[in-house]
Protein backbone atom coordinates (compact mmCIF):
# COMPACT_ATOMS: atom_id res chain seq x y z
CA MET A 1 35.07 -168.15 28.82
CA ASN A 2 34.68 -167.23 25.22
CA SER A 3 32.07 -165.44 23.25
CA SER A 4 29.33 -167.33 21.34
CA ARG A 5 28.25 -166.38 17.87
CA TYR A 6 25.13 -167.11 16.20
CA ALA A 7 23.97 -166.50 12.48
CA ILE A 8 20.43 -165.87 11.39
CA ILE A 9 19.60 -166.15 7.77
CA ASP A 10 16.18 -164.97 6.72
CA ILE A 11 15.01 -166.18 3.51
CA GLY A 12 12.07 -164.00 2.80
CA SER A 13 9.99 -163.52 -0.36
CA ASN A 14 11.56 -160.36 -1.40
CA SER A 15 15.18 -160.40 0.21
CA VAL A 16 17.55 -162.74 1.68
CA ARG A 17 19.28 -161.61 4.84
CA LEU A 18 22.02 -162.70 7.03
CA VAL A 19 22.65 -161.46 10.58
CA ILE A 20 25.59 -162.51 12.80
CA TYR A 21 25.27 -161.75 16.45
CA GLU A 22 27.84 -162.02 19.28
CA VAL A 23 26.82 -162.86 22.81
CA THR A 24 29.69 -161.99 25.32
CA PRO A 25 30.61 -163.88 28.54
CA PRO A 26 28.66 -161.25 30.91
CA GLY A 27 25.58 -161.95 28.63
CA ALA A 28 25.49 -158.71 26.41
CA TYR A 29 24.98 -159.17 22.90
CA ARG A 30 25.62 -157.15 19.72
CA ILE A 31 25.48 -157.32 15.88
CA LEU A 32 28.51 -158.01 14.20
CA HIS A 33 27.55 -158.24 10.31
CA GLU A 34 24.51 -157.67 8.37
CA THR A 35 24.16 -158.58 4.79
CA LYS A 36 20.93 -158.10 2.51
CA GLU A 37 20.39 -159.45 -1.07
CA THR A 38 17.40 -158.67 -2.91
CA ALA A 39 15.86 -162.22 -4.41
CA ARG A 40 12.29 -161.55 -5.31
CA LEU A 41 11.67 -165.42 -4.64
CA SER A 42 7.84 -164.82 -4.86
CA GLU A 43 8.14 -163.83 -8.66
CA ARG A 44 9.87 -167.09 -9.38
CA ILE A 45 6.60 -169.38 -8.59
CA GLY A 46 5.20 -170.99 -11.95
CA GLU A 47 1.88 -171.32 -12.99
CA ASP A 48 1.64 -174.73 -11.34
CA GLY A 49 2.44 -173.16 -7.92
CA ALA A 50 5.78 -174.49 -7.69
CA MET A 51 9.05 -172.48 -7.46
CA THR A 52 11.18 -172.85 -10.73
CA HIS A 53 14.51 -174.65 -10.91
CA ASP A 54 16.25 -171.36 -11.77
CA GLY A 55 14.48 -169.64 -8.89
CA ILE A 56 15.92 -172.31 -6.76
CA LEU A 57 19.41 -172.27 -8.03
CA SER A 58 19.37 -168.24 -7.86
CA VAL A 59 19.54 -168.66 -3.86
CA VAL A 60 22.25 -171.12 -3.79
CA PRO A 61 25.22 -168.57 -4.56
CA LEU A 62 23.71 -166.32 -1.66
CA LEU A 63 23.75 -169.11 0.71
CA ARG A 64 27.20 -170.23 -0.11
CA ARG A 65 28.50 -166.62 0.31
CA PHE A 66 26.67 -166.56 3.69
CA LYS A 67 28.18 -169.64 4.75
CA ARG A 68 31.87 -168.41 3.89
CA ILE A 69 31.02 -165.17 5.84
CA CYS A 70 29.95 -167.29 8.78
CA GLY A 71 33.14 -169.21 8.53
CA ALA A 72 35.08 -165.84 8.55
CA TYR A 73 33.36 -164.60 11.69
CA SER A 74 33.83 -168.43 13.47
CA VAL A 75 29.97 -168.54 14.08
CA ASP A 76 28.97 -171.31 16.43
CA SER A 77 25.55 -171.74 15.37
CA VAL A 78 23.60 -171.04 12.12
CA LYS A 79 19.72 -170.90 11.95
CA ALA A 80 18.17 -170.43 8.64
CA ALA A 81 14.42 -169.95 8.25
CA ALA A 82 12.31 -169.52 5.00
CA THR A 83 9.04 -167.73 5.01
CA ALA A 84 6.10 -167.28 2.47
CA ALA A 85 7.83 -167.62 -0.99
CA ILE A 86 9.05 -171.15 0.07
CA ARG A 87 6.25 -171.99 2.48
CA ASN A 88 3.43 -171.29 -0.12
CA ALA A 89 5.22 -173.11 -3.09
CA ALA A 90 4.00 -176.47 -4.11
CA ASN A 91 7.47 -177.85 -4.07
CA ALA A 92 8.48 -176.36 -0.57
CA GLU A 93 10.15 -179.51 0.83
CA ASP A 94 12.20 -180.15 -2.44
CA ILE A 95 13.30 -176.37 -2.51
CA ALA A 96 14.59 -176.89 1.30
CA ARG A 97 16.21 -180.08 0.51
CA GLU A 98 17.94 -178.87 -2.70
CA LEU A 99 19.20 -175.84 -0.94
CA ALA A 100 20.41 -177.73 1.85
CA GLU A 101 22.18 -180.04 -0.23
CA ARG A 102 23.83 -177.22 -2.53
CA SER A 103 24.77 -174.86 0.20
CA GLY A 104 25.11 -176.97 3.32
CA ILE A 105 22.83 -174.83 5.48
CA VAL A 106 19.55 -176.52 6.91
CA ILE A 107 16.44 -174.70 6.02
CA ASP A 108 13.68 -174.51 8.48
CA ILE A 109 10.40 -173.58 6.81
CA LEU A 110 8.35 -171.43 9.08
CA SER A 111 4.58 -171.61 9.21
CA GLY A 112 2.49 -168.45 9.23
CA GLU A 113 1.57 -168.93 12.89
CA GLU A 114 5.37 -169.41 13.72
CA GLU A 115 6.40 -166.27 11.48
CA ALA A 116 3.92 -164.33 13.52
CA ARG A 117 5.03 -165.61 16.86
CA LEU A 118 8.77 -164.75 15.95
CA GLY A 119 7.70 -161.29 14.85
CA PHE A 120 5.77 -160.68 18.23
CA GLN A 121 8.94 -161.88 20.13
CA GLY A 122 11.23 -159.59 18.31
CA VAL A 123 8.75 -156.68 19.10
CA VAL A 124 7.94 -157.11 22.69
CA SER A 125 11.57 -157.56 23.44
CA THR A 126 12.62 -154.33 21.94
CA LEU A 127 9.51 -151.93 22.31
CA ASP A 128 7.83 -150.86 25.75
CA VAL A 129 4.30 -151.12 24.43
CA ARG A 130 1.80 -152.83 26.33
CA ASP A 131 -1.12 -153.46 24.03
CA GLY A 132 -1.18 -153.24 20.12
CA PHE A 133 -1.53 -154.82 16.69
CA ILE A 134 1.39 -155.77 14.78
CA VAL A 135 1.57 -156.03 10.96
CA ASP A 136 4.35 -157.77 9.25
CA ILE A 137 4.16 -156.87 5.49
CA GLY A 138 6.53 -159.35 3.74
CA GLY A 139 7.05 -159.87 0.09
CA GLY A 140 4.66 -162.71 0.09
CA SER A 141 2.47 -162.70 3.09
CA THR A 142 1.21 -160.51 5.56
CA GLU A 143 0.79 -161.37 9.42
CA ILE A 144 -1.34 -159.55 11.69
CA THR A 145 -1.02 -160.18 15.56
CA LEU A 146 -3.01 -158.65 18.43
CA PHE A 147 -1.29 -158.50 21.94
CA LEU A 148 -2.75 -157.31 25.15
CA ASP A 149 -0.83 -156.78 28.35
CA ARG A 150 2.26 -157.85 26.11
CA LYS A 151 0.85 -161.31 25.64
CA ARG A 152 -0.06 -162.67 22.19
CA VAL A 153 -3.96 -162.88 21.87
CA ASN A 154 -4.36 -163.78 18.16
CA SER A 155 -2.37 -164.00 14.89
CA VAL A 156 -3.36 -164.59 11.23
CA SER A 157 -1.27 -164.92 8.15
CA PHE A 158 -2.68 -163.80 4.84
CA PRO A 159 -1.14 -165.17 1.66
CA PHE A 160 -0.30 -161.84 -0.01
CA GLY A 161 2.50 -159.13 0.60
CA ALA A 162 4.14 -156.31 -1.17
CA VAL A 163 5.77 -158.42 -3.89
CA THR A 164 2.76 -160.79 -4.85
CA ALA A 165 0.33 -157.69 -4.30
CA ALA A 166 2.45 -155.62 -6.64
CA ARG A 167 2.67 -158.24 -9.37
CA GLU A 168 -1.00 -158.49 -9.39
CA TYR A 169 -2.29 -155.01 -8.73
CA THR A 170 0.62 -152.74 -9.82
CA PRO A 171 2.41 -154.95 -12.32
CA GLY A 172 5.70 -153.12 -13.50
CA GLY A 173 5.04 -150.30 -10.98
CA ILE A 174 2.18 -148.93 -13.07
CA VAL A 175 -0.52 -147.83 -10.84
CA ARG A 176 -4.11 -147.64 -12.18
CA PRO A 177 -6.89 -146.40 -9.54
CA GLU A 178 -9.21 -149.13 -10.08
CA ARG A 179 -6.56 -151.72 -9.32
CA ILE A 180 -5.78 -150.01 -5.99
CA GLU A 181 -9.39 -150.21 -5.13
CA SER A 182 -9.33 -153.79 -5.74
CA LEU A 183 -6.30 -154.24 -3.48
CA LYS A 184 -8.00 -152.30 -0.73
CA ALA A 185 -11.12 -154.70 -1.18
CA LEU A 186 -8.89 -157.67 -0.80
CA VAL A 187 -7.67 -156.44 2.34
CA ARG A 188 -11.08 -155.36 3.67
CA ASP A 189 -12.42 -158.63 2.62
CA THR A 190 -9.98 -160.92 4.13
CA ILE A 191 -10.25 -159.01 7.49
CA ASP A 192 -13.86 -159.62 7.30
CA LEU A 193 -13.11 -163.08 8.01
CA HIS A 194 -11.33 -162.55 11.25
CA PRO A 195 -13.52 -160.13 13.35
CA TRP A 196 -11.17 -159.73 16.29
CA ILE A 197 -9.12 -157.43 13.89
CA ARG A 198 -11.91 -154.68 14.43
CA GLU A 199 -12.60 -155.18 17.99
CA HIS A 200 -9.97 -153.41 19.55
CA ALA A 201 -9.68 -149.75 18.26
CA GLN A 202 -7.20 -146.91 19.22
CA LEU A 203 -4.30 -149.30 19.79
CA PRO A 204 -1.01 -148.49 18.05
CA LEU A 205 -0.18 -150.61 14.95
CA ILE A 206 3.46 -151.56 14.78
CA SER A 207 4.75 -152.07 11.34
CA LEU A 208 7.24 -154.48 10.59
CA GLY A 209 8.65 -155.08 7.01
CA GLY A 210 10.09 -153.19 4.36
CA ALA A 211 6.99 -151.05 3.46
CA GLY A 212 6.94 -149.37 6.88
CA ARG A 213 10.54 -148.87 7.13
CA ALA A 214 10.50 -147.32 3.62
CA LEU A 215 7.84 -144.79 4.64
CA ALA A 216 9.89 -143.92 7.78
CA LYS A 217 13.14 -143.31 5.70
CA LEU A 218 11.06 -140.95 3.28
CA ASN A 219 9.53 -139.11 6.26
CA GLN A 220 12.80 -138.71 8.01
CA LYS A 221 14.55 -137.54 4.96
CA ARG A 222 11.62 -135.06 4.21
CA VAL A 223 11.73 -133.53 7.61
CA ASP A 224 15.52 -133.61 7.89
CA TYR A 225 15.18 -135.56 11.05
CA PRO A 226 18.07 -135.21 13.55
CA LEU A 227 18.26 -138.75 14.84
CA PRO A 228 19.85 -141.57 12.65
CA VAL A 229 17.37 -144.17 14.48
CA MET A 230 14.54 -146.06 12.83
CA HIS A 231 13.20 -148.30 15.47
CA ASN A 232 10.36 -146.82 17.47
CA TYR A 233 9.84 -143.82 15.03
CA GLU A 234 6.22 -143.01 14.88
CA LEU A 235 4.05 -141.99 11.74
CA GLU A 236 1.16 -140.06 11.94
CA GLU A 237 -2.04 -140.52 10.05
CA ASN A 238 -1.24 -137.52 7.95
CA ASP A 239 2.04 -138.73 7.13
CA LEU A 240 0.69 -141.97 5.95
CA GLN A 241 -2.01 -140.29 3.90
CA SER A 242 0.50 -138.09 2.20
CA TYR A 243 2.60 -140.99 0.81
CA MET A 244 -0.79 -142.77 -0.20
CA ASP A 245 -1.35 -139.53 -2.23
CA LEU A 246 2.17 -139.04 -3.49
CA LEU A 247 3.47 -142.47 -4.35
CA PRO A 248 0.79 -143.70 -6.71
CA SER A 249 1.05 -140.27 -8.62
CA LEU A 250 4.62 -140.86 -9.49
CA PRO A 251 6.08 -143.08 -12.26
CA VAL A 252 8.56 -145.80 -11.28
CA GLU A 253 11.54 -143.62 -12.52
CA LYS A 254 10.55 -140.57 -10.42
CA ARG A 255 9.94 -143.02 -7.53
CA LYS A 256 13.51 -144.13 -7.71
CA LYS A 257 14.84 -140.61 -7.26
CA LEU A 258 12.98 -140.01 -3.97
CA ASP A 259 15.50 -139.20 -1.09
CA GLY A 260 15.17 -142.12 1.25
CA LEU A 261 13.71 -144.81 -0.88
CA SER A 262 15.97 -147.34 -2.27
CA LYS A 263 15.58 -147.91 -6.05
CA GLY A 264 15.00 -151.68 -5.58
CA ARG A 265 11.83 -150.99 -3.72
CA ALA A 266 10.46 -148.59 -6.18
CA ASP A 267 8.05 -150.81 -8.18
CA ILE A 268 6.30 -152.63 -5.06
CA ILE A 269 6.28 -149.72 -2.56
CA VAL A 270 2.86 -148.52 -3.78
CA ALA A 271 1.70 -152.17 -3.13
CA GLY A 272 3.07 -152.27 0.08
CA VAL A 273 1.89 -148.82 1.24
CA VAL A 274 -1.74 -149.54 0.28
CA LEU A 275 -1.51 -152.68 2.30
CA LEU A 276 -0.12 -150.85 5.26
CA HIS A 277 -2.81 -148.21 4.92
CA SER A 278 -5.54 -150.75 4.61
CA VAL A 279 -4.70 -152.60 7.75
CA TYR A 280 -4.32 -149.18 9.61
CA ARG A 281 -7.87 -148.18 8.56
CA GLN A 282 -9.12 -151.77 9.10
CA THR A 283 -7.67 -151.79 12.87
CA SER A 284 -8.90 -148.22 13.46
CA ALA A 285 -5.33 -147.70 14.96
CA SER A 286 -4.24 -144.62 16.90
CA ARG A 287 -0.83 -144.35 15.18
CA ILE A 288 2.03 -146.29 13.50
CA ILE A 289 5.07 -147.39 15.29
CA VAL A 290 7.68 -148.45 12.95
CA SER A 291 9.94 -151.35 14.32
CA SER A 292 13.39 -152.36 13.11
CA ALA A 293 13.00 -155.53 15.10
CA GLY A 294 11.09 -158.48 14.18
CA LEU A 295 11.33 -162.14 12.81
CA ARG A 296 15.25 -162.22 12.83
CA ASP A 297 15.45 -160.74 16.39
CA GLY A 298 12.72 -163.24 17.64
CA LEU A 299 14.73 -166.03 16.03
CA PHE A 300 17.82 -164.98 17.79
CA TYR A 301 16.37 -164.40 21.12
CA GLU A 302 14.73 -167.68 20.95
CA THR A 303 17.98 -169.61 19.87
CA ALA A 304 20.75 -167.53 22.03
CA MET A 305 18.83 -166.58 25.22
CA PRO A 306 15.53 -168.58 25.69
CA GLU A 307 16.17 -168.70 29.40
CA ARG A 308 15.90 -164.89 29.59
CA LEU A 309 12.37 -164.64 27.89
CA PRO A 310 10.05 -162.85 28.21
CA ILE A 311 11.78 -159.62 28.77
CA THR A 312 9.69 -157.89 31.17
CA ASP A 313 11.54 -154.54 31.42
CA VAL A 314 12.68 -153.60 27.85
CA LEU A 315 14.25 -150.51 28.89
CA GLN A 316 16.46 -152.10 31.63
CA PHE A 317 17.56 -155.05 29.58
CA SER A 318 18.84 -152.66 26.88
CA VAL A 319 20.60 -150.32 29.19
CA GLU A 320 22.47 -153.10 30.93
CA ASN A 321 23.29 -154.53 27.50
CA MET A 322 24.87 -151.27 26.69
CA LEU A 323 26.48 -150.86 29.95
CA LYS A 324 28.26 -154.38 29.81
CA LEU A 325 29.48 -153.74 25.94
CA HIS A 326 30.57 -150.01 26.46
CA THR A 327 31.70 -149.27 30.04
CA PRO A 328 35.25 -150.51 30.69
CA LEU A 329 35.04 -148.91 34.03
CA PRO A 330 33.70 -150.36 37.33
CA HIS A 331 30.10 -150.93 36.95
CA ASP A 332 29.67 -151.03 40.91
CA HIS A 333 30.29 -147.26 40.75
CA LEU A 334 27.58 -146.61 38.26
CA ARG A 335 25.10 -148.74 40.11
CA ARG A 336 25.75 -146.86 43.34
CA ALA A 337 25.41 -143.48 41.44
CA ALA A 338 22.11 -144.88 40.12
CA ALA A 339 20.75 -145.70 43.60
CA HIS A 340 21.85 -142.37 44.98
CA ALA A 341 20.06 -140.65 42.08
CA ALA A 342 16.88 -142.51 42.78
CA ALA A 343 17.06 -141.57 46.43
CA LEU A 344 17.75 -138.09 45.78
CA TYR A 345 14.92 -137.84 43.10
CA ASP A 346 12.32 -139.55 45.17
CA VAL A 347 12.51 -137.04 48.09
CA LEU A 348 12.90 -133.84 45.51
CA ALA A 349 10.41 -134.74 42.77
CA ASP A 350 7.32 -133.38 44.44
CA SER A 351 9.02 -129.86 44.47
CA ALA A 352 9.41 -129.88 40.67
CA PRO A 353 5.90 -130.43 39.25
CA GLU A 354 7.18 -130.78 35.54
CA LEU A 355 8.88 -134.00 36.49
CA GLN A 356 6.62 -137.28 35.65
CA PRO A 357 7.27 -140.96 37.15
CA ARG A 358 8.97 -141.67 33.72
CA HIS A 359 11.86 -139.21 34.45
CA ARG A 360 12.90 -141.44 37.21
CA SER A 361 13.60 -144.16 34.93
CA LEU A 362 15.46 -141.75 32.28
CA LEU A 363 17.48 -140.56 35.41
CA HIS A 364 18.40 -144.36 36.15
CA ALA A 365 19.18 -145.15 32.47
CA ALA A 366 21.66 -141.90 32.23
CA ALA A 367 23.20 -142.79 35.53
CA LEU A 368 24.29 -146.35 34.12
CA LEU A 369 25.26 -145.00 30.73
CA GLN A 370 27.00 -141.65 31.80
CA ARG A 371 30.64 -143.04 31.23
CA ILE A 372 30.04 -145.37 28.10
CA GLY A 373 32.16 -142.78 25.99
CA TYR A 374 35.20 -144.10 27.91
CA THR A 375 35.10 -147.08 25.49
CA VAL A 376 35.96 -144.71 22.65
CA SER A 377 38.49 -142.42 24.49
CA SER A 378 38.93 -140.72 27.83
CA TYR A 379 39.56 -137.61 26.01
CA GLN A 380 36.40 -135.56 25.81
CA HIS A 381 34.54 -138.88 26.97
CA TRP A 382 31.41 -136.97 27.34
CA ARG A 383 31.17 -136.01 23.61
CA HIS A 384 31.40 -139.76 22.91
CA THR A 385 29.08 -140.65 25.43
CA PHE A 386 26.53 -138.34 24.16
CA HIS A 387 27.16 -139.66 20.61
CA LEU A 388 26.76 -143.38 21.69
CA ILE A 389 23.42 -142.52 23.61
CA THR A 390 21.81 -140.72 20.47
CA GLU A 391 23.09 -142.88 17.65
CA SER A 392 22.42 -146.13 19.24
CA ARG A 393 19.12 -147.90 19.68
CA ILE A 394 18.06 -147.97 23.19
CA ASP A 395 15.06 -149.92 23.37
CA GLY A 396 12.19 -148.97 25.60
CA LEU A 397 12.85 -145.18 25.17
CA THR A 398 11.00 -142.92 22.45
CA HIS A 399 13.43 -140.74 20.32
CA ARG A 400 12.59 -137.80 22.61
CA GLU A 401 13.62 -139.96 25.59
CA ILE A 402 16.78 -141.04 24.09
CA VAL A 403 17.91 -137.45 23.55
CA LEU A 404 16.87 -136.38 26.83
CA CYS A 405 18.78 -139.35 28.32
CA ALA A 406 21.95 -138.16 26.57
CA LEU A 407 21.44 -134.61 28.02
CA ILE A 408 21.15 -135.93 31.37
CA ALA A 409 24.14 -138.32 31.29
CA THR A 410 26.45 -135.67 29.85
CA PHE A 411 25.23 -132.43 31.95
CA LYS A 412 27.87 -130.07 33.01
CA ASN A 413 25.76 -126.70 32.77
CA LYS A 414 22.74 -125.29 31.21
CA ASN A 415 24.88 -123.55 28.50
CA ARG A 416 26.13 -126.52 27.17
CA THR A 417 22.79 -128.31 27.53
CA ARG A 418 21.28 -125.84 25.28
CA GLN A 419 24.06 -126.00 22.63
CA GLN A 420 23.67 -129.87 22.53
CA ALA A 421 19.92 -129.71 22.25
CA LEU A 422 20.00 -127.17 19.58
CA PRO A 423 19.99 -129.87 16.68
CA TYR A 424 17.19 -131.92 18.09
CA ALA A 425 14.57 -129.06 18.60
CA SER A 426 12.20 -130.99 16.29
CA VAL A 427 12.13 -133.87 18.74
CA LEU A 428 12.43 -132.31 22.06
CA ASP A 429 9.74 -130.39 24.09
CA ARG A 430 10.25 -126.83 25.23
CA SER A 431 10.64 -127.92 28.89
CA ASP A 432 13.16 -130.52 28.22
CA GLU A 433 16.12 -128.34 28.49
CA ASP A 434 15.12 -127.34 32.13
CA ILE A 435 14.26 -131.11 33.00
CA ALA A 436 17.73 -132.22 31.60
CA ALA A 437 19.43 -129.34 33.80
CA LYS A 438 17.44 -130.51 36.91
CA LEU A 439 18.08 -134.15 36.45
CA GLY A 440 21.71 -133.81 35.02
CA SER A 441 22.52 -131.65 38.08
CA LEU A 442 20.91 -134.33 40.26
CA LEU A 443 23.05 -137.09 38.82
CA ARG A 444 26.24 -135.07 39.12
CA LEU A 445 25.50 -135.00 43.06
CA ALA A 446 24.61 -138.63 43.05
CA SER A 447 28.03 -139.56 41.48
CA SER A 448 29.91 -137.26 43.57
CA LEU A 449 28.39 -139.38 46.75
CA ASP A 450 30.65 -142.14 45.53
CA TYR A 451 33.55 -139.65 44.58
CA GLY A 452 36.13 -142.29 45.28
CA GLU A 453 34.24 -145.10 43.28
CA ASN A 454 34.92 -147.48 46.31
CA GLY A 455 31.43 -147.22 48.35
CA ASN A 456 32.89 -144.99 51.14
CA ILE A 457 29.37 -143.81 52.00
CA ALA A 458 27.80 -146.72 53.88
CA GLU A 459 24.49 -144.92 54.48
CA LEU A 460 22.51 -142.09 52.83
CA ASP A 461 19.61 -140.41 54.41
CA VAL A 462 18.08 -137.45 52.29
CA ARG A 463 15.64 -135.03 53.80
CA PHE A 464 14.17 -131.94 52.23
CA VAL A 465 12.19 -129.08 53.44
CA PRO A 466 11.16 -126.15 51.10
CA GLY A 467 14.44 -124.41 50.31
CA GLU A 468 16.99 -126.88 52.22
CA LEU A 469 18.37 -130.33 51.26
CA HIS A 470 19.96 -131.91 54.17
CA LEU A 471 22.00 -135.09 53.28
CA HIS A 472 23.18 -137.39 56.14
CA LEU A 473 26.11 -139.38 55.25
CA LEU A 474 27.49 -142.21 57.31
CA CYS A 475 31.03 -142.83 55.83
CA LYS A 476 33.12 -145.97 56.16
CA GLU A 477 36.25 -143.69 56.65
CA GLN A 478 37.02 -139.96 56.96
CA ASP A 479 37.77 -138.29 53.54
CA PRO A 480 37.81 -134.46 53.63
CA SER A 481 38.33 -134.45 49.89
CA GLU A 482 35.17 -136.61 49.20
CA ILE A 483 33.15 -134.30 51.61
CA GLY A 484 34.46 -131.30 49.88
CA THR A 485 33.57 -132.52 46.52
CA ILE A 486 30.07 -133.55 47.67
CA GLU A 487 29.55 -129.97 49.22
CA GLU A 488 30.88 -128.23 46.13
CA THR A 489 28.55 -130.30 43.88
CA ALA A 490 25.55 -129.87 46.10
CA GLU A 491 25.70 -126.10 46.11
CA GLU A 492 25.79 -126.19 42.11
CA THR A 493 22.86 -128.69 42.01
CA GLY A 494 21.06 -126.33 44.58
CA LYS A 495 21.12 -123.46 41.81
CA TYR A 496 18.69 -125.56 39.50
CA TRP A 497 16.48 -126.91 42.26
CA SER A 498 16.33 -123.62 44.38
CA PHE A 499 17.50 -125.00 47.69
CA THR A 500 20.56 -124.65 49.78
CA ALA A 501 22.30 -128.07 50.66
CA TYR A 502 23.43 -129.13 54.03
CA ILE A 503 25.92 -132.03 54.40
CA HIS A 504 26.01 -134.03 57.67
CA ALA A 505 28.83 -136.38 57.77
CA SER A 506 29.96 -138.81 60.41
CA ALA A 507 32.68 -141.74 60.05
CA LEU A 508 32.38 -145.31 61.19
CA SER A 509 36.22 -145.26 61.52
CA THR A 510 38.26 -142.19 62.63
CA ASP A 511 41.65 -143.61 61.87
């Protein structure tokens, strides 16, 4: 059985993007290729509301190149979608037809409702957030979606975005205070027509689109953020306000020199930030969460794996995906280790008041991912494991939880954990080193309970009284070496949990 490859082409108002995904036979997926080209299609609309012929032709070479790339990757399916710039053009159908004739790629023109739905699908499939607003600030439109209990309740699409607002209110990137106030008034007056937007205060606002990502990059550069991960990055109100004050005060040429801001966005970033800030204020949101996943991800999920939607457990889905992609070793051993770790945790957690129910999920994720470093090399595989976890996007985890998961998965002793944690001090809590030591040592004990990686322990009964941990093991066969390893590991684990371990082993077979 071969892998399947899917190409998603997003023809937006500001940029045109190609993403090629691969779905492996076990059902895991990964991105093989990403390309982005700035197009500014919303600037190519004439006074009659139609896109100019030159504007249409400007996209053709991009689409032809994308088609050649798809051929090089032996793509099985190509899905191309156009959003506001083409949707709102008076000659939208003519544009789609001519692009298809000249490039050989069929273009679907998404309605504002479809764009909002796909953005929502991308978000709830990759973020563990139950209730919130989504704002997708594109080049030519802005979609706002309300979801409650992970179900889409309401959506609306506004016919203005970062590029069109910049052209109208900050032409050439030149900022005048009165025009900024006019743009804020536009957002306020438009939202007045949709009262539901103001009826759910203190929910998180999830930002899609280039404006939010640009602010996140700027902020990460400013604070020397230790994780190279954008997805699920949080912006506080003071962060947003600081850029609302800074960016309009700088001329375009100085904005181009800001570390973290692409030069191609310098002339539209102010309009984008004003739109984001205005929606944040109008929704009375609690905070901003930046999402790297959106329309393209939603389109991929609906195209390649509709039978797996909705994704109800985002973390488990993401961890299983990483496990299938990166672990060449037997998965049954890791699943047994995860089950043993859960059994130990359930008995011991009450003795450690610093532990919260969420830590059980982190322990489970770490158990499944503890050996993904072998996909790089068996030599110092723990380093590769730590790197893969911290440098990857694990959906369903906060950035702090990603680092904590990596510390648990690669735990050996507290000194090593302290050295590993040092670069991430700004992300971690003060108690996290101790938590990593407790859970990491527990994971080592759980893994030792399947030392032979063959499921020799048929039954495990865990009992705890203050100061004593009793493990009653029913083994399929006698294995003194395995029992010795368990005893040694349990003794070491006891140092972090303040217990003495007692191993009570019996065997089904004495041969």
